[in-house]
PDB file of all heavy atoms in Angstrom:
ATOM      1  N   VAL A   1     138.670 132.392  90.486  1.00  0.00           N
ATOM      2  CA  VAL A   1     138.896 133.764  91.066  1.00  0.00           C
ATOM      3  C   VAL A   1     139.290 134.694  89.987  1.00  0.00           C
ATOM      4  O   VAL A   1     138.819 135.840  90.065  1.00  0.00           O
ATOM      5  CB  VAL A   1     139.885 133.589  92.376  1.00  0.00           C
ATOM      6  CG1 VAL A   1     140.337 134.967  92.698  1.00  0.00           C
ATOM      7  CG2 VAL A   1     139.313 132.982  93.477  1.00  0.00           C
ATOM      8  N   GLN A   2     140.157 134.373  89.120  1.00  0.00           N
ATOM      9  CA  GLN A   2     140.499 135.098  88.146  1.00  0.00           C
ATOM     10  C   GLN A   2     139.424 135.668  87.248  1.00  0.00           C
ATOM     11  O   GLN A   2     139.191 136.872  87.014  1.00  0.00           O
ATOM     12  CB  GLN A   2     141.609 134.504  87.300  1.00  0.00           C
ATOM     13  CG  GLN A   2     142.452 135.522  86.343  1.00  0.00           C
ATOM     14  CD  GLN A   2     143.070 136.656  87.157  1.00  0.00           C
ATOM     15  OE1 GLN A   2     143.753 136.266  88.172  1.00  0.00           O
ATOM     16  NE2 GLN A   2     143.159 137.804  86.626  1.00  0.00           N
ATOM     17  N   ARG A   3     138.505 134.713  87.017  1.00  0.00           N
ATOM     18  CA  ARG A   3     137.265 135.060  86.124  1.00  0.00           C
ATOM     19  C   ARG A   3     136.384 136.109  86.921  1.00  0.00           C
ATOM     20  O   ARG A   3     135.811 136.810  86.320  1.00  0.00           O
ATOM     21  CB  ARG A   3     136.514 133.689  85.813  1.00  0.00           C
ATOM     22  CG  ARG A   3     137.305 132.987  84.662  1.00  0.00           C
ATOM     23  CD  ARG A   3     136.298 131.894  84.056  1.00  0.00           C
ATOM     24  NE  ARG A   3     136.024 130.980  85.023  1.00  0.00           N
ATOM     25  CZ  ARG A   3     136.725 129.806  85.267  1.00  0.00           C
ATOM     26  NH1 ARG A   3     137.726 129.572  84.592  1.00  0.00           N
ATOM     27  NH2 ARG A   3     136.332 128.895  86.171  1.00  0.00           N
ATOM     28  N   LEU A   4     136.274 135.809  88.207  1.00  0.00           N
ATOM     29  CA  LEU A   4     135.469 136.679  89.092  1.00  0.00           C
ATOM     30  C   LEU A   4     135.885 138.052  89.077  1.00  0.00           C
ATOM     31  O   LEU A   4     134.970 138.922  89.007  1.00  0.00           O
ATOM     32  CB  LEU A   4     135.486 136.034  90.527  1.00  0.00           C
ATOM     33  CG  LEU A   4     134.700 136.861  91.523  1.00  0.00           C
ATOM     34  CD1 LEU A   4     133.186 136.752  91.286  1.00  0.00           C
ATOM     35  CD2 LEU A   4     134.966 136.197  93.014  1.00  0.00           C
ATOM     36  N   ILE A   5     137.201 138.314  89.202  1.00  0.00           N
ATOM     37  CA  ILE A   5     137.619 139.783  89.420  1.00  0.00           C
ATOM     38  C   ILE A   5     137.995 140.528  88.077  1.00  0.00           C
ATOM     39  O   ILE A   5     138.088 141.729  88.044  1.00  0.00           O
ATOM     40  CB  ILE A   5     138.860 139.893  90.315  1.00  0.00           C
ATOM     41  CG1 ILE A   5     140.005 139.119  89.509  1.00  0.00           C
ATOM     42  CG2 ILE A   5     138.470 139.271  91.646  1.00  0.00           C
ATOM     43  CD1 ILE A   5     141.363 139.787  90.055  1.00  0.00           C
ATOM     44  N   GLU A   6     138.131 139.765  86.957  1.00  0.00           N
ATOM     45  CA  GLU A   6     138.508 140.445  85.611  1.00  0.00           C
ATOM     46  C   GLU A   6     137.610 141.542  85.307  1.00  0.00           C
ATOM     47  O   GLU A   6     138.153 142.645  84.893  1.00  0.00           O
ATOM     48  CB  GLU A   6     138.570 139.327  84.546  1.00  0.00           C
ATOM     49  CG  GLU A   6     139.928 138.662  84.478  1.00  0.00           C
ATOM     50  CD  GLU A   6     140.003 137.666  83.449  1.00  0.00           C
ATOM     51  OE1 GLU A   6     138.977 137.488  82.784  1.00  0.00           O
ATOM     52  OE2 GLU A   6     140.979 136.941  83.247  1.00  0.00           O
ATOM     53  N   PRO A   7     136.262 141.372  85.379  1.00  0.00           N
ATOM     54  CA  PRO A   7     135.397 142.398  84.873  1.00  0.00           C
ATOM     55  C   PRO A   7     135.558 143.654  85.793  1.00  0.00           C
ATOM     56  O   PRO A   7     135.080 144.876  85.411  1.00  0.00           O
ATOM     57  CB  PRO A   7     133.962 141.830  85.079  1.00  0.00           C
ATOM     58  CG  PRO A   7     134.077 140.509  85.121  1.00  0.00           C
ATOM     59  CD  PRO A   7     135.512 140.255  85.832  1.00  0.00           C
ATOM     60  N   LEU A   8     136.083 143.617  86.995  1.00  0.00           N
ATOM     61  CA  LEU A   8     136.170 144.736  87.914  1.00  0.00           C
ATOM     62  C   LEU A   8     137.244 145.880  87.560  1.00  0.00           C
ATOM     63  O   LEU A   8     137.120 146.883  87.988  1.00  0.00           O
ATOM     64  CB  LEU A   8     136.312 144.267  89.501  1.00  0.00           C
ATOM     65  CG  LEU A   8     135.336 143.157  89.907  1.00  0.00           C
ATOM     66  CD1 LEU A   8     135.709 142.828  91.327  1.00  0.00           C
ATOM     67  CD2 LEU A   8     133.906 143.800  89.838  1.00  0.00           C
ATOM     68  N   GLY A   9     138.259 145.352  86.979  1.00  0.00           N
ATOM     69  CA  GLY A   9     139.224 146.246  86.460  1.00  0.00           C
ATOM     70  C   GLY A   9     140.123 146.790  87.739  1.00  0.00           C
ATOM     71  O   GLY A   9     140.614 147.932  87.627  1.00  0.00           O
ATOM     72  N   ASP A  10     140.142 146.165  88.880  1.00  0.00           N
ATOM     73  CA  ASP A  10     140.818 146.655  89.978  1.00  0.00           C
ATOM     74  C   ASP A  10     142.095 145.936  90.198  1.00  0.00           C
ATOM     75  O   ASP A  10     142.336 144.736  90.405  1.00  0.00           O
ATOM     76  CB  ASP A  10     139.938 146.193  91.291  1.00  0.00           C
ATOM     77  CG  ASP A  10     140.437 146.841  92.600  1.00  0.00           C
ATOM     78  OD1 ASP A  10     141.739 146.957  92.760  1.00  0.00           O
ATOM     79  OD2 ASP A  10     139.762 147.084  93.577  1.00  0.00           O
ATOM     80  N   GLU A  11     143.234 146.692  89.859  1.00  0.00           N
ATOM     81  CA  GLU A  11     144.534 146.182  89.944  1.00  0.00           C
ATOM     82  C   GLU A  11     144.993 145.643  91.293  1.00  0.00           C
ATOM     83  O   GLU A  11     145.721 144.747  91.361  1.00  0.00           O
ATOM     84  CB  GLU A  11     145.602 147.242  89.402  1.00  0.00           C
ATOM     85  CG  GLU A  11     145.400 147.513  87.988  1.00  0.00           C
ATOM     86  CD  GLU A  11     146.548 148.440  87.503  1.00  0.00           C
ATOM     87  OE1 GLU A  11     147.312 149.018  88.305  1.00  0.00           O
ATOM     88  OE2 GLU A  11     146.615 148.670  86.171  1.00  0.00           O
ATOM     89  N   GLY A  12     144.539 146.293  92.385  1.00  0.00           N
ATOM     90  CA  GLY A  12     144.753 145.775  93.645  1.00  0.00           C
ATOM     91  C   GLY A  12     144.179 144.294  93.886  1.00  0.00           C
ATOM     92  O   GLY A  12     144.950 143.390  94.426  1.00  0.00           O
ATOM     93  N   LEU A  13     142.928 144.194  93.452  1.00  0.00           N
ATOM     94  CA  LEU A  13     142.382 142.755  93.527  1.00  0.00           C
ATOM     95  C   LEU A  13     143.138 141.820  92.578  1.00  0.00           C
ATOM     96  O   LEU A  13     143.242 140.607  92.901  1.00  0.00           O
ATOM     97  CB  LEU A  13     140.949 142.813  93.160  1.00  0.00           C
ATOM     98  CG  LEU A  13     139.938 143.511  94.182  1.00  0.00           C
ATOM     99  CD1 LEU A  13     138.575 143.312  93.734  1.00  0.00           C
ATOM    100  CD2 LEU A  13     140.192 142.650  95.511  1.00  0.00           C
ATOM    101  N   GLN A  14     143.626 142.309  91.439  1.00  0.00           N
ATOM    102  CA  GLN A  14     144.339 141.477  90.518  1.00  0.00           C
ATOM    103  C   GLN A  14     145.631 140.905  91.207  1.00  0.00           C
ATOM    104  O   GLN A  14     145.946 139.731  91.034  1.00  0.00           O
ATOM    105  CB  GLN A  14     144.650 142.163  89.248  1.00  0.00           C
ATOM    106  CG  GLN A  14     143.424 142.371  88.349  1.00  0.00           C
ATOM    107  CD  GLN A  14     143.821 143.185  87.233  1.00  0.00           C
ATOM    108  OE1 GLN A  14     144.880 143.310  86.742  1.00  0.00           O
ATOM    109  NE2 GLN A  14     142.665 143.788  86.691  1.00  0.00           N
ATOM    110  N   THR A  15     146.344 141.835  92.060  1.00  0.00           N
ATOM    111  CA  THR A  15     147.496 141.465  92.739  1.00  0.00           C
ATOM    112  C   THR A  15     147.142 140.417  93.882  1.00  0.00           C
ATOM    113  O   THR A  15     147.853 139.411  93.872  1.00  0.00           O
ATOM    114  CB  THR A  15     148.173 142.550  93.491  1.00  0.00           C
ATOM    115  OG1 THR A  15     148.380 143.634  92.511  1.00  0.00           O
ATOM    116  CG2 THR A  15     149.371 142.345  94.179  1.00  0.00           C
ATOM    117  N   GLU A  16     146.064 140.686  94.437  1.00  0.00           N
ATOM    118  CA  GLU A  16     145.604 139.704  95.495  1.00  0.00           C
ATOM    119  C   GLU A  16     145.282 138.313  94.756  1.00  0.00           C
ATOM    120  O   GLU A  16     145.674 137.183  95.427  1.00  0.00           O
ATOM    121  CB  GLU A  16     144.342 139.997  96.294  1.00  0.00           C
ATOM    122  CG  GLU A  16     144.474 141.439  96.903  1.00  0.00           C
ATOM    123  CD  GLU A  16     145.282 141.406  98.274  1.00  0.00           C
ATOM    124  OE1 GLU A  16     145.363 140.220  98.703  1.00  0.00           O
ATOM    125  OE2 GLU A  16     145.494 142.489  98.818  1.00  0.00           O
ATOM    126  N   ALA A  17     144.700 138.249  93.665  1.00  0.00           N
ATOM    127  CA  ALA A  17     144.213 137.074  92.960  1.00  0.00           C
ATOM    128  C   ALA A  17     145.452 136.400  92.505  1.00  0.00           C
ATOM    129  O   ALA A  17     145.457 135.182  92.537  1.00  0.00           O
ATOM    130  CB  ALA A  17     143.231 137.502  91.844  1.00  0.00           C
ATOM    131  N   LEU A  18     146.483 137.017  91.997  1.00  0.00           N
ATOM    132  CA  LEU A  18     147.676 136.432  91.369  1.00  0.00           C
ATOM    133  C   LEU A  18     148.488 135.569  92.484  1.00  0.00           C
ATOM    134  O   LEU A  18     149.135 134.706  92.222  1.00  0.00           O
ATOM    135  CB  LEU A  18     148.514 137.405  90.567  1.00  0.00           C
ATOM    136  CG  LEU A  18     148.020 137.795  89.182  1.00  0.00           C
ATOM    137  CD1 LEU A  18     148.714 139.009  88.821  1.00  0.00           C
ATOM    138  CD2 LEU A  18     148.382 136.491  88.418  1.00  0.00           C
ATOM    139  N   PHE A  19     148.301 136.049  93.800  1.00  0.00           N
ATOM    140  CA  PHE A  19     149.047 135.522  94.805  1.00  0.00           C
ATOM    141  C   PHE A  19     148.627 133.967  95.000  1.00  0.00           C
ATOM    142  O   PHE A  19     149.250 133.070  95.379  1.00  0.00           O
ATOM    143  CB  PHE A  19     148.872 136.085  96.154  1.00  0.00           C
ATOM    144  CG  PHE A  19     149.551 135.503  97.297  1.00  0.00           C
ATOM    145  CD1 PHE A  19     150.954 135.436  97.306  1.00  0.00           C
ATOM    146  CD2 PHE A  19     148.699 135.042  98.349  1.00  0.00           C
ATOM    147  CE1 PHE A  19     151.532 134.903  98.479  1.00  0.00           C
ATOM    148  CE2 PHE A  19     149.375 134.374  99.387  1.00  0.00           C
ATOM    149  CZ  PHE A  19     150.862 134.332  99.461  1.00  0.00           C
ATOM    150  N   ILE A  20     147.333 133.800  94.661  1.00  0.00           N
ATOM    151  CA  ILE A  20     146.705 132.370  94.778  1.00  0.00           C
ATOM    152  C   ILE A  20     147.492 131.432  93.896  1.00  0.00           C
ATOM    153  O   ILE A  20     147.999 130.399  94.467  1.00  0.00           O
ATOM    154  CB  ILE A  20     145.180 132.319  94.525  1.00  0.00           C
ATOM    155  CG1 ILE A  20     144.518 133.259  95.639  1.00  0.00           C
ATOM    156  CG2 ILE A  20     144.649 130.985  94.421  1.00  0.00           C
ATOM    157  CD1 ILE A  20     143.032 133.439  95.385  1.00  0.00           C
ATOM    158  N   PRO A  21     147.715 131.606  92.592  1.00  0.00           N
ATOM    159  CA  PRO A  21     148.406 130.543  91.711  1.00  0.00           C
ATOM    160  C   PRO A  21     149.891 130.786  92.132  1.00  0.00           C
ATOM    161  O   PRO A  21     150.566 129.785  91.963  1.00  0.00           O
ATOM    162  CB  PRO A  21     148.085 131.002  90.409  1.00  0.00           C
ATOM    163  CG  PRO A  21     147.644 132.434  90.404  1.00  0.00           C
ATOM    164  CD  PRO A  21     147.005 132.614  91.693  1.00  0.00           C
ATOM    165  N   ALA A  22     150.364 131.921  92.491  1.00  0.00           N
ATOM    166  CA  ALA A  22     151.792 131.974  92.827  1.00  0.00           C
ATOM    167  C   ALA A  22     152.219 130.956  93.932  1.00  0.00           C
ATOM    168  O   ALA A  22     153.150 130.253  93.807  1.00  0.00           O
ATOM    169  CB  ALA A  22     152.217 133.421  93.309  1.00  0.00           C
ATOM    170  N   LEU A  23     151.389 131.033  95.031  1.00  0.00           N
ATOM    171  CA  LEU A  23     151.695 130.133  96.243  1.00  0.00           C
ATOM    172  C   LEU A  23     151.414 128.673  95.799  1.00  0.00           C
ATOM    173  O   LEU A  23     152.218 127.733  96.138  1.00  0.00           O
ATOM    174  CB  LEU A  23     150.902 130.554  97.467  1.00  0.00           C
ATOM    175  CG  LEU A  23     151.156 129.812  98.679  1.00  0.00           C
ATOM    176  CD1 LEU A  23     151.081 130.759  99.959  1.00  0.00           C
ATOM    177  CD2 LEU A  23     150.142 128.592  98.886  1.00  0.00           C
ATOM    178  N   THR A  24     150.297 128.540  95.167  1.00  0.00           N
ATOM    179  CA  THR A  24     149.885 127.040  94.876  1.00  0.00           C
ATOM    180  C   THR A  24     150.792 126.467  93.941  1.00  0.00           C
ATOM    181  O   THR A  24     151.300 125.232  94.195  1.00  0.00           O
ATOM    182  CB  THR A  24     148.456 127.003  94.270  1.00  0.00           C
ATOM    183  OG1 THR A  24     147.493 127.833  95.040  1.00  0.00           O
ATOM    184  CG2 THR A  24     147.878 125.593  94.208  1.00  0.00           C
ATOM    185  N   ALA A  25     151.205 127.159  92.927  1.00  0.00           N
ATOM    186  CA  ALA A  25     152.151 126.513  91.980  1.00  0.00           C
ATOM    187  C   ALA A  25     153.548 126.294  92.571  1.00  0.00           C
ATOM    188  O   ALA A  25     154.101 125.279  92.258  1.00  0.00           O
ATOM    189  CB  ALA A  25     152.401 127.595  90.823  1.00  0.00           C
ATOM    190  N   PHE A  26     153.941 127.178  93.612  1.00  0.00           N
ATOM    191  CA  PHE A  26     155.254 126.926  94.333  1.00  0.00           C
ATOM    192  C   PHE A  26     155.029 125.545  94.949  1.00  0.00           C
ATOM    193  O   PHE A  26     156.146 124.754  94.748  1.00  0.00           O
ATOM    194  CB  PHE A  26     155.479 127.985  95.252  1.00  0.00           C
ATOM    195  CG  PHE A  26     156.714 127.742  96.251  1.00  0.00           C
ATOM    196  CD1 PHE A  26     157.953 128.156  95.711  1.00  0.00           C
ATOM    197  CD2 PHE A  26     156.625 126.970  97.344  1.00  0.00           C
ATOM    198  CE1 PHE A  26     158.994 127.730  96.419  1.00  0.00           C
ATOM    199  CE2 PHE A  26     157.696 126.815  98.069  1.00  0.00           C
ATOM    200  CZ  PHE A  26     158.961 127.120  97.659  1.00  0.00           C
ATOM    201  N   TYR A  27     154.112 125.138  95.608  1.00  0.00           N
ATOM    202  CA  TYR A  27     154.046 123.840  96.328  1.00  0.00           C
ATOM    203  C   TYR A  27     153.910 122.727  95.403  1.00  0.00           C
ATOM    204  O   TYR A  27     154.249 121.671  95.808  1.00  0.00           O
ATOM    205  CB  TYR A  27     153.034 123.970  97.433  1.00  0.00           C
ATOM    206  CG  TYR A  27     153.457 124.843  98.655  1.00  0.00           C
ATOM    207  CD1 TYR A  27     152.934 126.178  98.791  1.00  0.00           C
ATOM    208  CD2 TYR A  27     154.278 124.316  99.472  1.00  0.00           C
ATOM    209  CE1 TYR A  27     153.400 126.826  99.768  1.00  0.00           C
ATOM    210  CE2 TYR A  27     154.827 125.216 100.550  1.00  0.00           C
ATOM    211  CZ  TYR A  27     154.255 126.314 100.765  1.00  0.00           C
ATOM    212  OH  TYR A  27     154.743 127.137 101.867  1.00  0.00           O
ATOM    213  N   LEU A  28     153.360 122.908  94.186  1.00  0.00           N
ATOM    214  CA  LEU A  28     153.261 121.968  93.235  1.00  0.00           C
ATOM    215  C   LEU A  28     154.605 121.748  92.476  1.00  0.00           C
ATOM    216  O   LEU A  28     154.763 120.897  91.585  1.00  0.00           O
ATOM    217  CB  LEU A  28     152.284 122.190  92.327  1.00  0.00           C
ATOM    218  CG  LEU A  28     150.806 122.099  92.787  1.00  0.00           C
ATOM    219  CD1 LEU A  28     149.744 122.795  91.914  1.00  0.00           C
ATOM    220  CD2 LEU A  28     150.373 120.581  93.046  1.00  0.00           C
ATOM    221  N   GLY A  29     155.653 122.543  92.794  1.00  0.00           N
ATOM    222  CA  GLY A  29     156.963 122.415  92.140  1.00  0.00           C
ATOM    223  C   GLY A  29     157.036 123.193  90.848  1.00  0.00           C
ATOM    224  O   GLY A  29     158.083 122.933  90.289  1.00  0.00           O
ATOM    225  N   ASP A  30     156.244 124.083  90.504  1.00  0.00           N
ATOM    226  CA  ASP A  30     156.308 124.778  89.359  1.00  0.00           C
ATOM    227  C   ASP A  30     156.783 126.228  89.741  1.00  0.00           C
ATOM    228  O   ASP A  30     156.161 127.123  89.825  1.00  0.00           O
ATOM    229  CB  ASP A  30     154.953 124.945  88.665  1.00  0.00           C
ATOM    230  CG  ASP A  30     154.909 125.513  87.206  1.00  0.00           C
ATOM    231  OD1 ASP A  30     156.056 126.026  86.875  1.00  0.00           O
ATOM    232  OD2 ASP A  30     154.035 125.378  86.515  1.00  0.00           O
ATOM    233  N   PHE A  31     158.048 126.207  89.819  1.00  0.00           N
ATOM    234  CA  PHE A  31     158.790 127.561  90.382  1.00  0.00           C
ATOM    235  C   PHE A  31     158.764 128.539  89.267  1.00  0.00           C
ATOM    236  O   PHE A  31     158.631 129.710  89.586  1.00  0.00           O
ATOM    237  CB  PHE A  31     160.233 127.259  90.773  1.00  0.00           C
ATOM    238  CG  PHE A  31     160.214 126.091  91.703  1.00  0.00           C
ATOM    239  CD1 PHE A  31     160.963 124.983  91.515  1.00  0.00           C
ATOM    240  CD2 PHE A  31     159.477 126.256  92.978  1.00  0.00           C
ATOM    241  CE1 PHE A  31     161.109 123.848  92.421  1.00  0.00           C
ATOM    242  CE2 PHE A  31     159.607 125.125  93.833  1.00  0.00           C
ATOM    243  CZ  PHE A  31     160.247 124.038  93.658  1.00  0.00           C
ATOM    244  N   GLN A  32     158.801 128.215  88.023  1.00  0.00           N
ATOM    245  CA  GLN A  32     158.771 129.250  86.897  1.00  0.00           C
ATOM    246  C   GLN A  32     157.376 129.839  86.991  1.00  0.00           C
ATOM    247  O   GLN A  32     157.147 131.175  86.777  1.00  0.00           O
ATOM    248  CB  GLN A  32     159.001 128.597  85.624  1.00  0.00           C
ATOM    249  CG  GLN A  32     160.378 128.376  85.366  1.00  0.00           C
ATOM    250  CD  GLN A  32     161.305 129.525  85.011  1.00  0.00           C
ATOM    251  OE1 GLN A  32     160.857 130.646  85.352  1.00  0.00           O
ATOM    252  NE2 GLN A  32     162.553 129.384  84.598  1.00  0.00           N
ATOM    253  N   GLN A  33     156.304 129.180  87.092  1.00  0.00           N
ATOM    254  CA  GLN A  33     155.030 129.665  87.239  1.00  0.00           C
ATOM    255  C   GLN A  33     154.713 130.487  88.314  1.00  0.00           C
ATOM    256  O   GLN A  33     154.213 131.648  88.278  1.00  0.00           O
ATOM    257  CB  GLN A  33     153.895 128.566  87.114  1.00  0.00           C
ATOM    258  CG  GLN A  33     152.446 128.940  87.320  1.00  0.00           C
ATOM    259  CD  GLN A  33     151.902 129.821  86.069  1.00  0.00           C
ATOM    260  OE1 GLN A  33     152.581 129.941  85.041  1.00  0.00           O
ATOM    261  NE2 GLN A  33     150.768 130.253  86.243  1.00  0.00           N
ATOM    262  N   SER A  34     155.296 130.069  89.382  1.00  0.00           N
ATOM    263  CA  SER A  34     155.136 130.838  90.780  1.00  0.00           C
ATOM    264  C   SER A  34     155.839 132.175  90.699  1.00  0.00           C
ATOM    265  O   SER A  34     155.368 133.261  90.915  1.00  0.00           O
ATOM    266  CB  SER A  34     155.882 130.121  91.902  1.00  0.00           C
ATOM    267  OG  SER A  34     155.727 130.748  93.111  1.00  0.00           O
ATOM    268  N   ARG A  35     157.074 132.118  89.951  1.00  0.00           N
ATOM    269  CA  ARG A  35     157.836 133.369  89.753  1.00  0.00           C
ATOM    270  C   ARG A  35     157.144 134.303  88.854  1.00  0.00           C
ATOM    271  O   ARG A  35     157.003 135.559  89.053  1.00  0.00           O
ATOM    272  CB  ARG A  35     159.208 133.053  89.240  1.00  0.00           C
ATOM    273  CG  ARG A  35     160.085 134.255  88.830  1.00  0.00           C
ATOM    274  CD  ARG A  35     161.392 133.836  88.053  1.00  0.00           C
ATOM    275  NE  ARG A  35     162.103 134.933  87.705  1.00  0.00           N
ATOM    276  CZ  ARG A  35     163.187 134.782  87.107  1.00  0.00           C
ATOM    277  NH1 ARG A  35     163.646 133.595  86.701  1.00  0.00           N
ATOM    278  NH2 ARG A  35     164.111 135.888  86.681  1.00  0.00           N
ATOM    279  N   SER A  36     156.561 133.857  87.859  1.00  0.00           N
ATOM    280  CA  SER A  36     155.795 134.613  86.800  1.00  0.00           C
ATOM    281  C   SER A  36     154.734 135.246  87.466  1.00  0.00           C
ATOM    282  O   SER A  36     154.341 136.517  87.173  1.00  0.00           O
ATOM    283  CB  SER A  36     155.328 133.678  85.592  1.00  0.00           C
ATOM    284  OG  SER A  36     154.640 134.469  84.726  1.00  0.00           O
ATOM    285  N   CYS A  37     153.929 134.569  88.261  1.00  0.00           N
ATOM    286  CA  CYS A  37     152.623 135.190  88.876  1.00  0.00           C
ATOM    287  C   CYS A  37     153.132 136.200  89.891  1.00  0.00           C
ATOM    288  O   CYS A  37     152.424 137.398  89.964  1.00  0.00           O
ATOM    289  CB  CYS A  37     151.935 134.075  89.658  1.00  0.00           C
ATOM    290  SG  CYS A  37     151.033 132.925  88.585  1.00  0.00           S
ATOM    291  N   CYS A  38     154.199 135.979  90.623  1.00  0.00           N
ATOM    292  CA  CYS A  38     154.698 137.004  91.418  1.00  0.00           C
ATOM    293  C   CYS A  38     155.089 138.414  90.746  1.00  0.00           C
ATOM    294  O   CYS A  38     154.873 139.462  91.190  1.00  0.00           O
ATOM    295  CB  CYS A  38     155.950 136.633  92.309  1.00  0.00           C
ATOM    296  SG  CYS A  38     155.341 135.327  93.517  1.00  0.00           S
ATOM    297  N   GLU A  39     155.819 138.201  89.627  1.00  0.00           N
ATOM    298  CA  GLU A  39     156.201 139.306  88.867  1.00  0.00           C
ATOM    299  C   GLU A  39     155.094 140.090  88.266  1.00  0.00           C
ATOM    300  O   GLU A  39     155.084 141.354  88.473  1.00  0.00           O
ATOM    301  CB  GLU A  39     157.235 138.841  87.725  1.00  0.00           C
ATOM    302  CG  GLU A  39     158.424 138.335  88.145  1.00  0.00           C
ATOM    303  CD  GLU A  39     159.489 137.819  87.075  1.00  0.00           C
ATOM    304  OE1 GLU A  39     158.792 137.532  85.988  1.00  0.00           O
ATOM    305  OE2 GLU A  39     160.575 137.634  87.203  1.00  0.00           O
ATOM    306  N   LYS A  40     154.013 139.461  87.809  1.00  0.00           N
ATOM    307  CA  LYS A  40     152.825 140.070  87.283  1.00  0.00           C
ATOM    308  C   LYS A  40     152.116 140.883  88.437  1.00  0.00           C
ATOM    309  O   LYS A  40     151.678 141.830  88.201  1.00  0.00           O
ATOM    310  CB  LYS A  40     152.035 139.055  86.642  1.00  0.00           C
ATOM    311  CG  LYS A  40     152.487 138.513  85.257  1.00  0.00           C
ATOM    312  CD  LYS A  40     151.522 137.419  84.728  1.00  0.00           C
ATOM    313  CE  LYS A  40     152.092 136.801  83.450  1.00  0.00           C
ATOM    314  NZ  LYS A  40     151.126 135.638  83.061  1.00  0.00           N
ATOM    315  N   GLY A  41     152.024 140.037  89.470  1.00  0.00           N
ATOM    316  CA  GLY A  41     151.314 140.694  90.648  1.00  0.00           C
ATOM    317  C   GLY A  41     151.810 141.954  91.178  1.00  0.00           C
ATOM    318  O   GLY A  41     151.338 142.873  91.470  1.00  0.00           O
ATOM    319  N   PHE A  42     153.237 141.831  91.294  1.00  0.00           N
ATOM    320  CA  PHE A  42     153.907 142.954  91.883  1.00  0.00           C
ATOM    321  C   PHE A  42     153.977 144.107  90.984  1.00  0.00           C
ATOM    322  O   PHE A  42     154.073 145.287  91.428  1.00  0.00           O
ATOM    323  CB  PHE A  42     155.306 142.562  92.307  1.00  0.00           C
ATOM    324  CG  PHE A  42     155.853 143.269  93.603  1.00  0.00           C
ATOM    325  CD1 PHE A  42     155.348 143.060  94.858  1.00  0.00           C
ATOM    326  CD2 PHE A  42     156.852 144.268  93.438  1.00  0.00           C
ATOM    327  CE1 PHE A  42     155.700 143.693  95.952  1.00  0.00           C
ATOM    328  CE2 PHE A  42     157.215 144.929  94.546  1.00  0.00           C
ATOM    329  CZ  PHE A  42     156.713 144.717  95.790  1.00  0.00           C
TER     330      PHE A  42
END
């Protein structure tokens, strides 16, 4: 998904896209990665 939206330059879509690894990483127990994705997205 990240590769799909990168060429579009749409920050709104980038926020939406970063939520995907933020949530997925959380459930995998990678809380630092989840936090990092949330900070970047927000």
